Amino acid sequence: DPGRDWDLVNAIEDGRAACEAHRWGDAWRLLASVVGGGRDVDDLHRLATAAYLTGHDEDGFSLWTRAYELCVSAGAIHRAGHLSLKLCQGLGFKGDLPRFRGWIERSARLLEDADIDCVERGYLEYGLGFLSVFEAGDIAGAHGRFVQAGKIGARFNHRELVTLARIGEGRML
């Protein structure tokens, strides 16, 4: 049905625009309405972000997982690493340490095997610092991880990572 196809295209385009404008509720509603095909990895990431930011955490985690798996299958390892660490952040901020640990370990293996020098290694350090403090109570170890995350963030000129790392450093001090 050409009318239905046009509606799907409009929903995707409107959903993307809502994400760009940080209208997460609209983005969630529009992109979630697209059933089946039509969503690429970037749209899955947008939808996962919108889901997470509108209180649909488990939907977001499932969508990030699906996007990660698509990237691994396609050999887009760097992108898979990025998505897995977004998933880690969401799980960590939710306090779901068992799944957080599992995804941190998966992310570490992925980045190590690929031997990619990237900002995601800084997010991995940040996640390992998070685990150091919350699993082992290792304040000094966590501080060191946050410092390393900040250095990587600065090297890649990545403000979000630098900010998170500095917050972590400050909390450990």
N, C-alpha and C. Protein backbone atom coordinates (compact mmCIF):
# COMPACT_ATOMS: atom_id res chain seq x y z
N ASP A 1 0.85 -1.19 0.00
CA ASP A 1 0.00 0.00 0.00
C ASP A 1 0.89 1.24 0.00
N PRO A 2 0.87 2.04 -1.06
CA PRO A 2 1.72 3.23 -1.14
C PRO A 2 1.47 4.24 -0.03
N GLY A 3 0.22 4.38 0.40
CA GLY A 3 -0.10 5.32 1.48
C GLY A 3 0.56 4.91 2.78
N ARG A 4 0.57 3.61 3.07
CA ARG A 4 1.20 3.09 4.30
C ARG A 4 2.71 3.31 4.24
N ASP A 5 3.31 3.05 3.08
CA ASP A 5 4.75 3.26 2.92
C ASP A 5 5.11 4.73 3.17
N TRP A 6 4.28 5.62 2.66
CA TRP A 6 4.52 7.06 2.85
C TRP A 6 4.41 7.42 4.33
N ASP A 7 3.45 6.83 5.04
CA ASP A 7 3.29 7.08 6.48
C ASP A 7 4.53 6.62 7.24
N LEU A 8 5.08 5.46 6.86
CA LEU A 8 6.30 4.96 7.53
C LEU A 8 7.48 5.90 7.29
N VAL A 9 7.63 6.35 6.05
CA VAL A 9 8.73 7.27 5.73
C VAL A 9 8.56 8.56 6.54
N ASN A 10 7.36 9.07 6.61
CA ASN A 10 7.11 10.29 7.39
C ASN A 10 7.39 10.07 8.86
N ALA A 11 6.96 8.93 9.41
CA ALA A 11 7.21 8.65 10.84
C ALA A 11 8.70 8.59 11.12
N ILE A 12 9.46 7.96 10.24
CA ILE A 12 10.91 7.87 10.43
C ILE A 12 11.54 9.26 10.35
N GLU A 13 11.19 10.02 9.33
CA GLU A 13 11.77 11.36 9.17
C GLU A 13 11.38 12.27 10.34
N ASP A 14 10.11 12.22 10.74
CA ASP A 14 9.66 13.04 11.87
C ASP A 14 10.32 12.59 13.17
N GLY A 15 10.50 11.28 13.33
CA GLY A 15 11.18 10.76 14.52
C GLY A 15 12.62 11.19 14.59
N ARG A 16 13.30 11.18 13.45
CA ARG A 16 14.69 11.65 13.40
C ARG A 16 14.77 13.13 13.77
N ALA A 17 13.84 13.91 13.21
CA ALA A 17 13.82 15.35 13.52
C ALA A 17 13.54 15.58 15.00
N ALA A 18 12.66 14.79 15.59
CA ALA A 18 12.37 14.91 17.02
C ALA A 18 13.62 14.62 17.85
N CYS A 19 14.39 13.63 17.43
CA CYS A 19 15.65 13.34 18.14
C CYS A 19 16.61 14.51 18.06
N GLU A 20 16.76 15.05 16.87
CA GLU A 20 17.66 16.19 16.68
C GLU A 20 17.26 17.37 17.57
N ALA A 21 15.95 17.52 17.79
CA ALA A 21 15.44 18.62 18.61
C ALA A 21 15.32 18.23 20.08
N HIS A 22 15.78 17.03 20.43
CA HIS A 22 15.72 16.53 21.80
C HIS A 22 14.28 16.45 22.32
N ARG A 23 13.34 16.18 21.44
CA ARG A 23 11.94 15.95 21.83
C ARG A 23 11.76 14.44 21.94
N TRP A 24 12.23 13.91 23.07
CA TRP A 24 12.37 12.46 23.23
C TRP A 24 11.02 11.74 23.25
N GLY A 25 10.00 12.34 23.82
CA GLY A 25 8.68 11.70 23.83
C GLY A 25 8.14 11.55 22.42
N ASP A 26 8.27 12.59 21.61
CA ASP A 26 7.83 12.51 20.21
C ASP A 26 8.67 11.49 19.44
N ALA A 27 9.96 11.50 19.67
CA ALA A 27 10.84 10.56 18.98
C ALA A 27 10.45 9.12 19.32
N TRP A 28 10.20 8.86 20.59
CA TRP A 28 9.80 7.52 21.02
C TRP A 28 8.50 7.11 20.33
N ARG A 29 7.51 7.97 20.37
CA ARG A 29 6.20 7.66 19.78
C ARG A 29 6.32 7.41 18.28
N LEU A 30 7.03 8.28 17.59
CA LEU A 30 7.12 8.18 16.13
C LEU A 30 7.95 6.98 15.68
N LEU A 31 9.14 6.84 16.23
CA LEU A 31 10.01 5.75 15.78
C LEU A 31 9.51 4.39 16.25
N ALA A 32 8.86 4.33 17.40
CA ALA A 32 8.31 3.06 17.88
C ALA A 32 7.13 2.61 17.01
N SER A 33 6.50 3.55 16.31
CA SER A 33 5.36 3.19 15.47
C SER A 33 5.77 2.48 14.18
N VAL A 34 7.06 2.52 13.87
CA VAL A 34 7.56 1.87 12.66
C VAL A 34 7.86 0.42 13.00
N VAL A 35 6.98 -0.46 12.58
CA VAL A 35 7.11 -1.89 12.89
C VAL A 35 7.82 -2.57 11.73
N GLY A 36 8.70 -3.52 12.06
CA GLY A 36 9.38 -4.27 11.01
C GLY A 36 10.53 -3.50 10.42
N GLY A 37 10.62 -3.52 9.11
CA GLY A 37 11.72 -2.88 8.40
C GLY A 37 11.62 -1.36 8.48
N GLY A 38 12.60 -0.72 7.89
CA GLY A 38 12.59 0.73 7.84
C GLY A 38 13.48 1.40 8.85
N ARG A 39 13.92 0.65 9.88
CA ARG A 39 14.80 1.25 10.88
C ARG A 39 16.20 0.70 10.69
N ASP A 40 17.15 1.59 10.43
CA ASP A 40 18.54 1.15 10.33
C ASP A 40 19.17 1.22 11.72
N VAL A 41 20.45 0.90 11.80
CA VAL A 41 21.15 0.90 13.09
C VAL A 41 21.07 2.26 13.76
N ASP A 42 21.22 3.32 12.98
CA ASP A 42 21.15 4.66 13.57
C ASP A 42 19.76 4.93 14.14
N ASP A 43 18.72 4.48 13.42
CA ASP A 43 17.36 4.66 13.93
C ASP A 43 17.11 3.82 15.18
N LEU A 44 17.67 2.61 15.21
CA LEU A 44 17.55 1.79 16.43
C LEU A 44 18.23 2.50 17.61
N HIS A 45 19.38 3.11 17.36
CA HIS A 45 20.09 3.85 18.41
C HIS A 45 19.26 5.06 18.85
N ARG A 46 18.70 5.77 17.89
CA ARG A 46 17.83 6.91 18.23
C ARG A 46 16.64 6.44 19.08
N LEU A 47 16.00 5.36 18.64
CA LEU A 47 14.84 4.84 19.35
C LEU A 47 15.23 4.35 20.74
N ALA A 48 16.38 3.68 20.85
CA ALA A 48 16.85 3.23 22.16
C ALA A 48 17.09 4.40 23.09
N THR A 49 17.71 5.45 22.57
CA THR A 49 17.96 6.65 23.38
C THR A 49 16.65 7.28 23.83
N ALA A 50 15.71 7.42 22.89
CA ALA A 50 14.41 8.00 23.23
C ALA A 50 13.69 7.13 24.26
N ALA A 51 13.77 5.82 24.09
CA ALA A 51 13.12 4.91 25.04
C ALA A 51 13.71 5.11 26.43
N TYR A 52 15.02 5.09 26.51
CA TYR A 52 15.70 5.22 27.80
C TYR A 52 15.37 6.56 28.47
N LEU A 53 15.38 7.62 27.68
CA LEU A 53 15.17 8.95 28.25
C LEU A 53 13.71 9.25 28.58
N THR A 54 12.80 8.37 28.16
CA THR A 54 11.38 8.55 28.49
C THR A 54 10.88 7.48 29.44
N GLY A 55 11.80 6.78 30.10
CA GLY A 55 11.42 5.82 31.12
C GLY A 55 11.10 4.43 30.62
N HIS A 56 11.39 4.13 29.37
CA HIS A 56 11.18 2.80 28.81
C HIS A 56 12.53 2.08 28.77
N ASP A 57 13.16 1.97 29.95
CA ASP A 57 14.53 1.48 30.04
C ASP A 57 14.74 0.13 29.35
N GLU A 58 13.91 -0.84 29.67
CA GLU A 58 14.11 -2.19 29.13
C GLU A 58 13.95 -2.20 27.61
N ASP A 59 13.03 -1.41 27.09
CA ASP A 59 12.91 -1.29 25.63
C ASP A 59 14.20 -0.72 25.05
N GLY A 60 14.73 0.31 25.71
CA GLY A 60 15.99 0.90 25.25
C GLY A 60 17.12 -0.11 25.27
N PHE A 61 17.22 -0.88 26.34
CA PHE A 61 18.29 -1.88 26.45
C PHE A 61 18.15 -2.92 25.34
N SER A 62 16.93 -3.36 25.07
CA SER A 62 16.70 -4.34 24.00
C SER A 62 17.06 -3.77 22.63
N LEU A 63 16.72 -2.53 22.40
CA LEU A 63 17.02 -1.90 21.12
C LEU A 63 18.52 -1.69 20.93
N TRP A 64 19.22 -1.25 21.97
CA TRP A 64 20.67 -1.11 21.87
C TRP A 64 21.33 -2.47 21.62
N THR A 65 20.80 -3.51 22.27
CA THR A 65 21.33 -4.85 22.06
C THR A 65 21.14 -5.27 20.61
N ARG A 66 19.96 -5.04 20.06
CA ARG A 66 19.69 -5.41 18.66
C ARG A 66 20.61 -4.63 17.71
N ALA A 67 20.78 -3.35 17.96
CA ALA A 67 21.66 -2.54 17.11
C ALA A 67 23.10 -3.05 17.20
N TYR A 68 23.54 -3.38 18.42
CA TYR A 68 24.88 -3.93 18.63
C TYR A 68 25.06 -5.21 17.82
N GLU A 69 24.09 -6.11 17.91
CA GLU A 69 24.19 -7.39 17.20
C GLU A 69 24.24 -7.19 15.69
N LEU A 70 23.46 -6.24 15.18
CA LEU A 70 23.51 -5.95 13.74
C LEU A 70 24.89 -5.46 13.33
N CYS A 71 25.49 -4.61 14.16
CA CYS A 71 26.82 -4.09 13.86
C CYS A 71 27.87 -5.20 13.89
N VAL A 72 27.81 -6.05 14.89
CA VAL A 72 28.77 -7.16 14.96
C VAL A 72 28.62 -8.05 13.73
N SER A 73 27.38 -8.36 13.35
CA SER A 73 27.13 -9.21 12.18
C SER A 73 27.67 -8.58 10.90
N ALA A 74 27.60 -7.26 10.82
CA ALA A 74 28.06 -6.55 9.63
C ALA A 74 29.56 -6.24 9.68
N GLY A 75 30.22 -6.58 10.79
CA GLY A 75 31.64 -6.28 10.91
C GLY A 75 31.94 -4.84 11.28
N ALA A 76 30.92 -4.10 11.71
CA ALA A 76 31.10 -2.69 12.12
C ALA A 76 31.47 -2.67 13.60
N ILE A 77 32.67 -3.10 13.89
CA ILE A 77 33.10 -3.34 15.27
C ILE A 77 33.17 -2.05 16.08
N HIS A 78 33.71 -0.99 15.50
CA HIS A 78 33.80 0.27 16.24
C HIS A 78 32.41 0.75 16.63
N ARG A 79 31.48 0.69 15.71
CA ARG A 79 30.09 1.11 15.98
C ARG A 79 29.47 0.20 17.03
N ALA A 80 29.74 -1.10 16.96
CA ALA A 80 29.23 -2.04 17.96
C ALA A 80 29.77 -1.68 19.35
N GLY A 81 31.05 -1.32 19.41
CA GLY A 81 31.64 -0.90 20.68
C GLY A 81 30.95 0.33 21.24
N HIS A 82 30.66 1.28 20.38
CA HIS A 82 29.96 2.50 20.80
C HIS A 82 28.60 2.15 21.39
N LEU A 83 27.85 1.32 20.69
CA LEU A 83 26.50 0.96 21.14
C LEU A 83 26.53 0.15 22.43
N SER A 84 27.50 -0.76 22.55
CA SER A 84 27.57 -1.56 23.77
C SER A 84 27.89 -0.68 24.97
N LEU A 85 28.67 0.35 24.77
CA LEU A 85 29.00 1.22 25.89
C LEU A 85 27.87 2.19 26.22
N LYS A 86 27.05 2.54 25.25
CA LYS A 86 25.82 3.30 25.55
C LYS A 86 24.90 2.45 26.41
N LEU A 87 24.79 1.19 26.05
CA LEU A 87 24.00 0.25 26.85
C LEU A 87 24.58 0.13 28.26
N CYS A 88 25.89 0.06 28.37
CA CYS A 88 26.54 0.00 29.69
C CYS A 88 26.19 1.23 30.52
N GLN A 89 26.25 2.40 29.91
CA GLN A 89 25.93 3.62 30.65
C GLN A 89 24.51 3.54 31.21
N GLY A 90 23.57 3.15 30.38
CA GLY A 90 22.18 3.06 30.84
C GLY A 90 22.03 2.07 31.97
N LEU A 91 22.65 0.90 31.84
CA LEU A 91 22.57 -0.11 32.89
C LEU A 91 23.25 0.37 34.17
N GLY A 92 24.39 1.04 34.02
CA GLY A 92 25.11 1.55 35.18
C GLY A 92 24.32 2.61 35.91
N PHE A 93 23.76 3.55 35.16
CA PHE A 93 22.99 4.62 35.78
C PHE A 93 21.73 4.08 36.45
N LYS A 94 21.23 2.95 35.95
CA LYS A 94 20.06 2.31 36.55
C LYS A 94 20.46 1.52 37.80
N GLY A 95 21.75 1.20 37.94
CA GLY A 95 22.22 0.43 39.08
C GLY A 95 22.15 -1.07 38.86
N ASP A 96 22.02 -1.51 37.63
CA ASP A 96 21.94 -2.92 37.29
C ASP A 96 23.37 -3.45 37.08
N LEU A 97 24.07 -3.65 38.20
CA LEU A 97 25.49 -4.00 38.13
C LEU A 97 25.77 -5.35 37.47
N PRO A 98 24.96 -6.39 37.66
CA PRO A 98 25.29 -7.66 36.98
C PRO A 98 25.28 -7.54 35.45
N ARG A 99 24.24 -6.93 34.90
CA ARG A 99 24.22 -6.77 33.44
C ARG A 99 25.26 -5.76 32.99
N PHE A 100 25.47 -4.73 33.80
CA PHE A 100 26.50 -3.74 33.50
C PHE A 100 27.86 -4.42 33.38
N ARG A 101 28.20 -5.26 34.35
CA ARG A 101 29.48 -5.98 34.31
C ARG A 101 29.58 -6.84 33.06
N GLY A 102 28.52 -7.57 32.75
CA GLY A 102 28.54 -8.42 31.56
C GLY A 102 28.81 -7.64 30.28
N TRP A 103 28.15 -6.50 30.16
CA TRP A 103 28.35 -5.69 28.96
C TRP A 103 29.70 -4.99 28.96
N ILE A 104 30.20 -4.60 30.11
CA ILE A 104 31.56 -4.03 30.17
C ILE A 104 32.57 -5.07 29.71
N GLU A 105 32.42 -6.29 30.18
CA GLU A 105 33.35 -7.36 29.78
C GLU A 105 33.25 -7.64 28.29
N ARG A 106 32.03 -7.66 27.76
CA ARG A 106 31.82 -7.88 26.33
C ARG A 106 32.46 -6.73 25.53
N SER A 107 32.25 -5.50 25.99
CA SER A 107 32.81 -4.34 25.31
C SER A 107 34.33 -4.37 25.34
N ALA A 108 34.90 -4.74 26.47
CA ALA A 108 36.36 -4.82 26.61
C ALA A 108 36.93 -5.84 25.63
N ARG A 109 36.31 -7.02 25.55
CA ARG A 109 36.79 -8.05 24.61
C ARG A 109 36.69 -7.55 23.17
N LEU A 110 35.58 -6.93 22.84
CA LEU A 110 35.36 -6.45 21.49
C LEU A 110 36.43 -5.44 21.09
N LEU A 111 36.67 -4.45 21.95
CA LEU A 111 37.65 -3.41 21.64
C LEU A 111 39.07 -3.96 21.65
N GLU A 112 39.34 -4.88 22.56
CA GLU A 112 40.67 -5.48 22.63
C GLU A 112 40.95 -6.30 21.38
N ASP A 113 40.00 -7.14 20.99
CA ASP A 113 40.19 -7.98 19.80
C ASP A 113 40.35 -7.14 18.53
N ALA A 114 39.64 -6.03 18.45
CA ALA A 114 39.69 -5.17 17.26
C ALA A 114 40.91 -4.26 17.26
N ASP A 115 41.51 -4.04 18.44
CA ASP A 115 42.67 -3.18 18.59
C ASP A 115 42.46 -1.80 17.94
N ILE A 116 41.31 -1.19 18.30
CA ILE A 116 40.96 0.12 17.76
C ILE A 116 41.27 1.19 18.81
N ASP A 117 41.99 2.22 18.40
CA ASP A 117 42.25 3.36 19.27
C ASP A 117 41.08 4.33 19.08
N CYS A 118 40.22 4.43 20.09
CA CYS A 118 38.99 5.20 19.92
C CYS A 118 38.52 5.75 21.28
N VAL A 119 37.61 6.70 21.22
CA VAL A 119 37.07 7.31 22.42
C VAL A 119 36.33 6.28 23.28
N GLU A 120 35.82 5.24 22.64
CA GLU A 120 35.10 4.20 23.40
C GLU A 120 35.98 3.54 24.44
N ARG A 121 37.27 3.52 24.23
CA ARG A 121 38.18 2.99 25.26
C ARG A 121 38.11 3.84 26.53
N GLY A 122 37.88 5.13 26.36
CA GLY A 122 37.69 6.01 27.51
C GLY A 122 36.41 5.69 28.26
N TYR A 123 35.34 5.42 27.51
CA TYR A 123 34.08 5.02 28.15
C TYR A 123 34.24 3.67 28.86
N LEU A 124 35.06 2.81 28.29
CA LEU A 124 35.35 1.54 28.95
C LEU A 124 36.07 1.79 30.27
N GLU A 125 37.07 2.68 30.27
CA GLU A 125 37.77 3.03 31.52
C GLU A 125 36.80 3.62 32.54
N TYR A 126 35.91 4.48 32.06
CA TYR A 126 34.90 5.07 32.94
C TYR A 126 34.05 3.97 33.57
N GLY A 127 33.60 3.03 32.75
CA GLY A 127 32.79 1.92 33.26
C GLY A 127 33.55 1.05 34.25
N LEU A 128 34.82 0.80 33.97
CA LEU A 128 35.63 0.00 34.90
C LEU A 128 35.85 0.75 36.22
N GLY A 129 35.95 2.08 36.13
CA GLY A 129 36.04 2.88 37.36
C GLY A 129 34.76 2.78 38.17
N PHE A 130 33.66 2.84 37.48
CA PHE A 130 32.35 2.70 38.12
C PHE A 130 32.27 1.36 38.86
N LEU A 131 32.71 0.28 38.19
CA LEU A 131 32.69 -1.03 38.83
C LEU A 131 33.66 -1.10 40.01
N SER A 132 34.82 -0.47 39.87
CA SER A 132 35.80 -0.48 40.97
C SER A 132 35.20 0.05 42.26
N VAL A 133 34.47 1.13 42.15
CA VAL A 133 33.92 1.73 43.36
C VAL A 133 32.69 0.98 43.86
N PHE A 134 31.80 0.57 42.95
CA PHE A 134 30.54 -0.02 43.40
C PHE A 134 30.63 -1.50 43.71
N GLU A 135 31.57 -2.22 43.10
CA GLU A 135 31.71 -3.64 43.41
C GLU A 135 32.76 -3.90 44.48
N ALA A 136 33.87 -3.17 44.42
CA ALA A 136 34.99 -3.47 45.31
C ALA A 136 35.26 -2.37 46.34
N GLY A 137 34.60 -1.23 46.21
CA GLY A 137 34.88 -0.13 47.12
C GLY A 137 36.28 0.43 46.95
N ASP A 138 36.88 0.22 45.79
CA ASP A 138 38.26 0.63 45.51
C ASP A 138 38.27 2.06 45.00
N ILE A 139 38.30 3.01 45.93
CA ILE A 139 38.25 4.43 45.59
C ILE A 139 39.48 4.85 44.78
N ALA A 140 40.66 4.44 45.20
CA ALA A 140 41.89 4.81 44.49
C ALA A 140 41.91 4.22 43.08
N GLY A 141 41.52 2.97 42.96
CA GLY A 141 41.47 2.33 41.65
C GLY A 141 40.47 3.01 40.73
N ALA A 142 39.31 3.35 41.28
CA ALA A 142 38.29 4.04 40.49
C ALA A 142 38.81 5.40 40.05
N HIS A 143 39.46 6.12 40.97
CA HIS A 143 40.02 7.43 40.63
C HIS A 143 40.97 7.32 39.44
N GLY A 144 41.85 6.33 39.49
CA GLY A 144 42.80 6.12 38.39
C GLY A 144 42.10 5.85 37.07
N ARG A 145 41.05 5.07 37.12
CA ARG A 145 40.28 4.77 35.89
C ARG A 145 39.61 6.04 35.34
N PHE A 146 39.06 6.85 36.25
CA PHE A 146 38.41 8.08 35.80
C PHE A 146 39.43 9.06 35.21
N VAL A 147 40.61 9.13 35.81
CA VAL A 147 41.67 9.99 35.27
C VAL A 147 42.03 9.53 33.86
N GLN A 148 42.20 8.21 33.70
CA GLN A 148 42.54 7.67 32.38
C GLN A 148 41.42 7.94 31.37
N ALA A 149 40.17 7.79 31.80
CA ALA A 149 39.03 8.08 30.92
C ALA A 149 39.07 9.54 30.48
N GLY A 150 39.37 10.44 31.39
CA GLY A 150 39.45 11.86 31.07
C GLY A 150 40.56 12.16 30.08
N LYS A 151 41.70 11.50 30.23
CA LYS A 151 42.81 11.71 29.29
C LYS A 151 42.41 11.25 27.88
N ILE A 152 41.75 10.12 27.80
CA ILE A 152 41.31 9.62 26.50
C ILE A 152 40.27 10.57 25.91
N GLY A 153 39.34 11.02 26.73
CA GLY A 153 38.34 11.97 26.26
C GLY A 153 38.96 13.25 25.75
N ALA A 154 39.99 13.75 26.46
CA ALA A 154 40.67 14.98 26.04
C ALA A 154 41.41 14.76 24.72
N ARG A 155 42.04 13.60 24.59
CA ARG A 155 42.79 13.30 23.36
C ARG A 155 41.87 13.28 22.14
N PHE A 156 40.63 12.82 22.34
CA PHE A 156 39.66 12.77 21.24
C PHE A 156 38.74 13.99 21.23
N ASN A 157 39.02 14.95 22.12
CA ASN A 157 38.21 16.16 22.21
C ASN A 157 36.72 15.84 22.38
N HIS A 158 36.45 14.93 23.31
CA HIS A 158 35.08 14.43 23.54
C HIS A 158 34.58 14.98 24.87
N ARG A 159 33.81 16.05 24.81
CA ARG A 159 33.39 16.77 26.01
C ARG A 159 32.56 15.93 26.96
N GLU A 160 31.66 15.10 26.44
CA GLU A 160 30.81 14.29 27.31
C GLU A 160 31.66 13.36 28.18
N LEU A 161 32.60 12.67 27.57
CA LEU A 161 33.46 11.75 28.33
C LEU A 161 34.32 12.52 29.32
N VAL A 162 34.90 13.62 28.90
CA VAL A 162 35.72 14.43 29.82
C VAL A 162 34.89 14.87 31.01
N THR A 163 33.68 15.30 30.77
CA THR A 163 32.80 15.75 31.86
C THR A 163 32.48 14.60 32.81
N LEU A 164 32.07 13.45 32.26
CA LEU A 164 31.77 12.29 33.12
C LEU A 164 33.00 11.88 33.94
N ALA A 165 34.16 11.87 33.28
CA ALA A 165 35.38 11.47 33.97
C ALA A 165 35.72 12.44 35.10
N ARG A 166 35.57 13.72 34.86
CA ARG A 166 35.87 14.71 35.91
C ARG A 166 34.90 14.60 37.07
N ILE A 167 33.65 14.32 36.77
CA ILE A 167 32.67 14.10 37.86
C ILE A 167 33.10 12.89 38.68
N GLY A 168 33.50 11.81 37.99
CA GLY A 168 33.97 10.62 38.70
C GLY A 168 35.20 10.90 39.54
N GLU A 169 36.15 11.62 38.97
CA GLU A 169 37.37 12.00 39.72
C GLU A 169 36.99 12.79 40.97
N GLY A 170 36.15 13.78 40.80
CA GLY A 170 35.75 14.63 41.93
C GLY A 170 35.07 13.83 43.03
N ARG A 171 34.22 12.93 42.62
CA ARG A 171 33.52 12.11 43.63
C ARG A 171 34.50 11.21 44.38
N MET A 172 35.54 10.74 43.70
CA MET A 172 36.50 9.87 44.37
C MET A 172 37.40 10.67 45.31
N LEU A 173 37.63 11.94 44.99
CA LEU A 173 38.43 12.78 45.89
C LEU A 173 37.64 13.12 47.13
